[in-house]
Amino acid sequence: MVGVSVREGGQGAQHVQRKRDDRPKRVSGESDLFLCGNDVQAKERVAAFLRDLGWSRVHDLGDITGARGTEAYVLLWLRLMGVLKTPDFNVRVVRK
C-alpha cells in the first residue's frame, strides 16, 4: 500500500481503518477477498493485516500467476458496479 506504514501489533491496520471507510462492514453479510504472490511470509502478513481490518474470509490463490485472475476480476467488478449503480457490493465464494 502506498503511503501506509504497517507497525507490529496491528497498529497500522487500526490507522488505516480510521482513515478509510472501505472496510467489509459497508456491505452486510460475509464477503471474500483474494490474494496471491510468491512470498509466503508476505502473504501471511497481508492476510493478517486484512483480518485486522475485518475481512474474515481471505483466500490465497497461490503464486503470482494468480494475479491474472484477480486483475481480470476487476473487469467483472466494474461491470457490476455500472449495472448496480453502486460500488458497495462484494462477492462470496460458496462451496458445496
N, C-alpha and C. Protein backbone atom coordinates (compact mmCIF):
# COMPACT_ATOMS: atom_id res chain seq x y z
N MET A 1 0.84 -1.17 0.00
CA MET A 1 0.00 0.00 0.00
C MET A 1 0.90 1.24 0.00
N VAL A 2 0.61 2.13 -0.83
CA VAL A 2 1.40 3.34 -0.95
C VAL A 2 1.09 4.27 0.22
N GLY A 3 2.14 4.74 0.88
CA GLY A 3 1.97 5.73 1.93
C GLY A 3 1.46 5.19 3.25
N VAL A 4 1.42 3.88 3.43
CA VAL A 4 0.95 3.31 4.68
C VAL A 4 2.08 2.52 5.30
N SER A 5 2.39 2.81 6.53
CA SER A 5 3.42 2.08 7.27
C SER A 5 2.72 1.13 8.22
N VAL A 6 3.00 -0.16 8.09
CA VAL A 6 2.38 -1.16 8.95
C VAL A 6 3.31 -1.43 10.11
N ARG A 7 2.82 -1.18 11.32
CA ARG A 7 3.60 -1.41 12.52
C ARG A 7 3.20 -2.71 13.17
N GLU A 8 4.09 -3.27 13.98
CA GLU A 8 3.78 -4.50 14.70
C GLU A 8 2.59 -4.27 15.64
N GLY A 9 1.86 -5.33 15.94
CA GLY A 9 0.75 -5.23 16.87
C GLY A 9 -0.55 -4.73 16.27
N GLY A 10 -0.64 -4.66 14.96
CA GLY A 10 -1.89 -4.27 14.31
C GLY A 10 -2.15 -2.78 14.31
N GLN A 11 -1.23 -1.97 14.81
CA GLN A 11 -1.48 -0.53 14.87
C GLN A 11 -1.63 0.07 13.48
N GLY A 12 -0.91 -0.47 12.50
CA GLY A 12 -1.03 0.03 11.13
C GLY A 12 -2.44 -0.18 10.60
N ALA A 13 -3.00 -1.34 10.87
CA ALA A 13 -4.35 -1.64 10.42
C ALA A 13 -5.35 -0.70 11.07
N GLN A 14 -5.16 -0.42 12.35
CA GLN A 14 -6.07 0.50 13.04
C GLN A 14 -5.97 1.89 12.43
N HIS A 15 -4.76 2.32 12.10
CA HIS A 15 -4.57 3.62 11.47
C HIS A 15 -5.30 3.69 10.13
N VAL A 16 -5.14 2.66 9.31
CA VAL A 16 -5.80 2.64 8.01
C VAL A 16 -7.31 2.64 8.19
N GLN A 17 -7.81 1.88 9.13
CA GLN A 17 -9.25 1.79 9.33
C GLN A 17 -9.82 3.14 9.78
N ARG A 18 -9.07 3.90 10.58
CA ARG A 18 -9.55 5.22 10.97
C ARG A 18 -9.57 6.18 9.78
N LYS A 19 -8.64 6.00 8.84
CA LYS A 19 -8.50 6.92 7.72
C LYS A 19 -9.43 6.58 6.55
N ARG A 20 -9.88 5.33 6.46
CA ARG A 20 -10.68 4.91 5.31
C ARG A 20 -11.98 4.30 5.77
N ASP A 21 -12.97 4.31 4.92
CA ASP A 21 -14.24 3.67 5.22
C ASP A 21 -14.47 2.50 4.28
N ASP A 22 -13.41 1.96 3.67
CA ASP A 22 -13.54 0.86 2.71
C ASP A 22 -13.36 -0.48 3.40
N ARG A 23 -14.05 -0.70 4.46
CA ARG A 23 -13.93 -1.97 5.16
C ARG A 23 -15.15 -2.83 4.84
N PRO A 24 -15.08 -4.10 5.15
CA PRO A 24 -16.17 -5.02 4.75
C PRO A 24 -17.52 -4.68 5.35
N LYS A 25 -17.58 -3.88 6.38
CA LYS A 25 -18.86 -3.59 7.02
C LYS A 25 -19.74 -2.66 6.19
N ARG A 26 -19.22 -2.13 5.11
CA ARG A 26 -20.05 -1.29 4.21
C ARG A 26 -21.12 -2.13 3.54
N VAL A 27 -20.89 -3.42 3.43
CA VAL A 27 -21.82 -4.34 2.78
C VAL A 27 -22.19 -5.41 3.81
N SER A 28 -23.47 -5.64 4.03
CA SER A 28 -23.87 -6.62 5.04
C SER A 28 -23.52 -8.04 4.59
N GLY A 29 -23.36 -8.91 5.55
CA GLY A 29 -23.00 -10.30 5.27
C GLY A 29 -21.51 -10.47 5.05
N GLU A 30 -21.10 -11.71 4.96
CA GLU A 30 -19.68 -12.00 4.74
C GLU A 30 -19.36 -11.97 3.26
N SER A 31 -18.19 -11.45 2.94
CA SER A 31 -17.70 -11.49 1.58
C SER A 31 -16.27 -11.99 1.58
N ASP A 32 -15.76 -12.28 0.41
CA ASP A 32 -14.44 -12.89 0.29
C ASP A 32 -13.45 -11.94 -0.36
N LEU A 33 -12.21 -12.10 0.02
CA LEU A 33 -11.12 -11.31 -0.53
C LEU A 33 -10.03 -12.28 -0.99
N PHE A 34 -9.33 -11.93 -2.06
CA PHE A 34 -8.35 -12.82 -2.65
C PHE A 34 -6.97 -12.19 -2.64
N LEU A 35 -5.94 -13.01 -2.42
CA LEU A 35 -4.57 -12.54 -2.53
C LEU A 35 -3.72 -13.63 -3.17
N CYS A 36 -2.59 -13.22 -3.74
CA CYS A 36 -1.66 -14.16 -4.34
C CYS A 36 -0.28 -13.53 -4.36
N GLY A 37 0.75 -14.36 -4.53
CA GLY A 37 2.11 -13.86 -4.57
C GLY A 37 3.10 -14.98 -4.33
N ASN A 38 4.36 -14.69 -4.58
CA ASN A 38 5.40 -15.71 -4.43
C ASN A 38 6.02 -15.76 -3.04
N ASP A 39 5.85 -14.73 -2.24
CA ASP A 39 6.46 -14.65 -0.92
C ASP A 39 5.44 -15.09 0.14
N VAL A 40 5.63 -16.31 0.65
CA VAL A 40 4.68 -16.89 1.60
C VAL A 40 4.55 -16.03 2.86
N GLN A 41 5.67 -15.57 3.39
CA GLN A 41 5.63 -14.74 4.60
C GLN A 41 4.91 -13.42 4.36
N ALA A 42 5.13 -12.83 3.21
CA ALA A 42 4.44 -11.57 2.88
C ALA A 42 2.94 -11.81 2.79
N LYS A 43 2.54 -12.92 2.18
CA LYS A 43 1.10 -13.21 2.07
C LYS A 43 0.49 -13.42 3.45
N GLU A 44 1.23 -14.07 4.35
CA GLU A 44 0.72 -14.28 5.70
C GLU A 44 0.54 -12.94 6.42
N ARG A 45 1.47 -12.02 6.23
CA ARG A 45 1.36 -10.69 6.85
C ARG A 45 0.19 -9.90 6.26
N VAL A 46 0.04 -9.97 4.95
CA VAL A 46 -1.07 -9.27 4.31
C VAL A 46 -2.40 -9.85 4.77
N ALA A 47 -2.50 -11.18 4.84
CA ALA A 47 -3.74 -11.82 5.29
C ALA A 47 -4.06 -11.40 6.72
N ALA A 48 -3.05 -11.34 7.59
CA ALA A 48 -3.26 -10.90 8.97
C ALA A 48 -3.73 -9.44 9.00
N PHE A 49 -3.12 -8.61 8.18
CA PHE A 49 -3.50 -7.20 8.07
C PHE A 49 -4.95 -7.07 7.64
N LEU A 50 -5.35 -7.86 6.63
CA LEU A 50 -6.73 -7.81 6.14
C LEU A 50 -7.70 -8.28 7.21
N ARG A 51 -7.32 -9.30 7.97
CA ARG A 51 -8.19 -9.77 9.05
C ARG A 51 -8.34 -8.70 10.13
N ASP A 52 -7.25 -7.95 10.40
CA ASP A 52 -7.33 -6.84 11.35
C ASP A 52 -8.32 -5.78 10.88
N LEU A 53 -8.45 -5.64 9.57
CA LEU A 53 -9.40 -4.68 9.01
C LEU A 53 -10.83 -5.21 9.00
N GLY A 54 -11.00 -6.49 9.33
CA GLY A 54 -12.35 -7.06 9.39
C GLY A 54 -12.68 -8.10 8.35
N TRP A 55 -11.75 -8.39 7.45
CA TRP A 55 -12.01 -9.42 6.42
C TRP A 55 -11.74 -10.79 7.04
N SER A 56 -12.78 -11.58 7.24
CA SER A 56 -12.61 -12.90 7.85
C SER A 56 -12.39 -13.99 6.81
N ARG A 57 -12.74 -13.72 5.57
CA ARG A 57 -12.64 -14.74 4.51
C ARG A 57 -11.63 -14.28 3.46
N VAL A 58 -10.36 -14.63 3.69
CA VAL A 58 -9.27 -14.28 2.79
C VAL A 58 -8.78 -15.56 2.13
N HIS A 59 -8.80 -15.60 0.80
CA HIS A 59 -8.40 -16.79 0.05
C HIS A 59 -7.06 -16.57 -0.62
N ASP A 60 -6.13 -17.48 -0.37
CA ASP A 60 -4.82 -17.44 -1.01
C ASP A 60 -4.92 -18.18 -2.34
N LEU A 61 -4.73 -17.46 -3.44
CA LEU A 61 -4.85 -18.05 -4.78
C LEU A 61 -3.52 -18.60 -5.31
N GLY A 62 -2.53 -18.69 -4.45
CA GLY A 62 -1.27 -19.29 -4.86
C GLY A 62 -0.23 -18.27 -5.26
N ASP A 63 0.62 -18.67 -6.20
CA ASP A 63 1.74 -17.81 -6.59
C ASP A 63 1.28 -16.62 -7.42
N ILE A 64 2.24 -15.85 -7.89
CA ILE A 64 1.94 -14.58 -8.56
C ILE A 64 1.15 -14.77 -9.86
N THR A 65 1.16 -15.95 -10.43
CA THR A 65 0.37 -16.16 -11.65
C THR A 65 -1.13 -16.01 -11.36
N GLY A 66 -1.52 -16.15 -10.09
CA GLY A 66 -2.91 -15.93 -9.71
C GLY A 66 -3.35 -14.48 -9.89
N ALA A 67 -2.38 -13.57 -10.03
CA ALA A 67 -2.72 -12.16 -10.24
C ALA A 67 -3.50 -11.96 -11.53
N ARG A 68 -3.28 -12.84 -12.49
CA ARG A 68 -4.06 -12.73 -13.74
C ARG A 68 -5.55 -12.84 -13.46
N GLY A 69 -5.90 -13.73 -12.57
CA GLY A 69 -7.31 -13.90 -12.21
C GLY A 69 -7.85 -12.71 -11.45
N THR A 70 -7.09 -12.20 -10.49
CA THR A 70 -7.58 -11.07 -9.71
C THR A 70 -7.66 -9.81 -10.57
N GLU A 71 -6.74 -9.65 -11.51
CA GLU A 71 -6.80 -8.50 -12.42
C GLU A 71 -8.01 -8.60 -13.34
N ALA A 72 -8.32 -9.79 -13.80
CA ALA A 72 -9.50 -9.98 -14.65
C ALA A 72 -10.79 -9.76 -13.87
N TYR A 73 -10.77 -10.05 -12.58
CA TYR A 73 -11.95 -9.84 -11.74
C TYR A 73 -12.36 -8.37 -11.73
N VAL A 74 -11.38 -7.49 -11.85
CA VAL A 74 -11.69 -6.05 -11.86
C VAL A 74 -12.66 -5.72 -12.99
N LEU A 75 -12.52 -6.38 -14.13
CA LEU A 75 -13.43 -6.13 -15.25
C LEU A 75 -14.86 -6.50 -14.89
N LEU A 76 -15.04 -7.64 -14.23
CA LEU A 76 -16.37 -8.05 -13.78
C LEU A 76 -16.89 -7.07 -12.73
N TRP A 77 -16.04 -6.68 -11.80
CA TRP A 77 -16.44 -5.77 -10.74
C TRP A 77 -16.91 -4.44 -11.32
N LEU A 78 -16.17 -3.92 -12.29
CA LEU A 78 -16.55 -2.65 -12.91
C LEU A 78 -17.90 -2.75 -13.61
N ARG A 79 -18.13 -3.86 -14.29
CA ARG A 79 -19.41 -4.06 -14.97
C ARG A 79 -20.56 -4.13 -13.97
N LEU A 80 -20.35 -4.88 -12.88
CA LEU A 80 -21.37 -4.97 -11.83
C LEU A 80 -21.64 -3.61 -11.21
N MET A 81 -20.59 -2.83 -10.98
CA MET A 81 -20.76 -1.51 -10.40
C MET A 81 -21.65 -0.65 -11.31
N GLY A 82 -21.44 -0.75 -12.62
CA GLY A 82 -22.27 0.01 -13.55
C GLY A 82 -23.71 -0.44 -13.55
N VAL A 83 -23.93 -1.74 -13.50
CA VAL A 83 -25.29 -2.28 -13.51
C VAL A 83 -26.01 -2.00 -12.19
N LEU A 84 -25.30 -2.18 -11.08
CA LEU A 84 -25.90 -1.98 -9.76
C LEU A 84 -25.94 -0.51 -9.35
N LYS A 85 -25.18 0.32 -10.06
CA LYS A 85 -25.11 1.76 -9.80
C LYS A 85 -24.58 2.08 -8.39
N THR A 86 -23.67 1.26 -7.91
CA THR A 86 -23.04 1.48 -6.60
C THR A 86 -21.76 0.65 -6.52
N PRO A 87 -20.75 1.16 -5.81
CA PRO A 87 -19.56 0.35 -5.58
C PRO A 87 -19.68 -0.48 -4.30
N ASP A 88 -20.80 -0.35 -3.59
CA ASP A 88 -20.99 -1.03 -2.32
C ASP A 88 -21.58 -2.42 -2.50
N PHE A 89 -20.76 -3.34 -2.96
CA PHE A 89 -21.14 -4.74 -3.10
C PHE A 89 -19.85 -5.56 -3.05
N ASN A 90 -19.99 -6.83 -2.87
CA ASN A 90 -18.84 -7.72 -2.93
C ASN A 90 -19.32 -9.12 -3.26
N VAL A 91 -18.41 -10.06 -3.30
CA VAL A 91 -18.75 -11.44 -3.65
C VAL A 91 -18.45 -12.37 -2.50
N ARG A 92 -19.03 -13.52 -2.57
CA ARG A 92 -18.77 -14.58 -1.59
C ARG A 92 -18.65 -15.90 -2.33
N VAL A 93 -17.64 -16.64 -1.98
CA VAL A 93 -17.44 -17.97 -2.54
C VAL A 93 -18.26 -18.94 -1.71
N VAL A 94 -19.12 -19.72 -2.37
CA VAL A 94 -19.95 -20.69 -1.67
C VAL A 94 -19.59 -22.07 -2.19
N ARG A 95 -19.19 -22.95 -1.29
CA ARG A 95 -18.83 -24.32 -1.69
C ARG A 95 -19.95 -25.28 -1.33
N LYS A 96 -20.00 -26.34 -2.09
CA LYS A 96 -20.98 -27.38 -1.83
C LYS A 96 -20.45 -28.30 -0.76
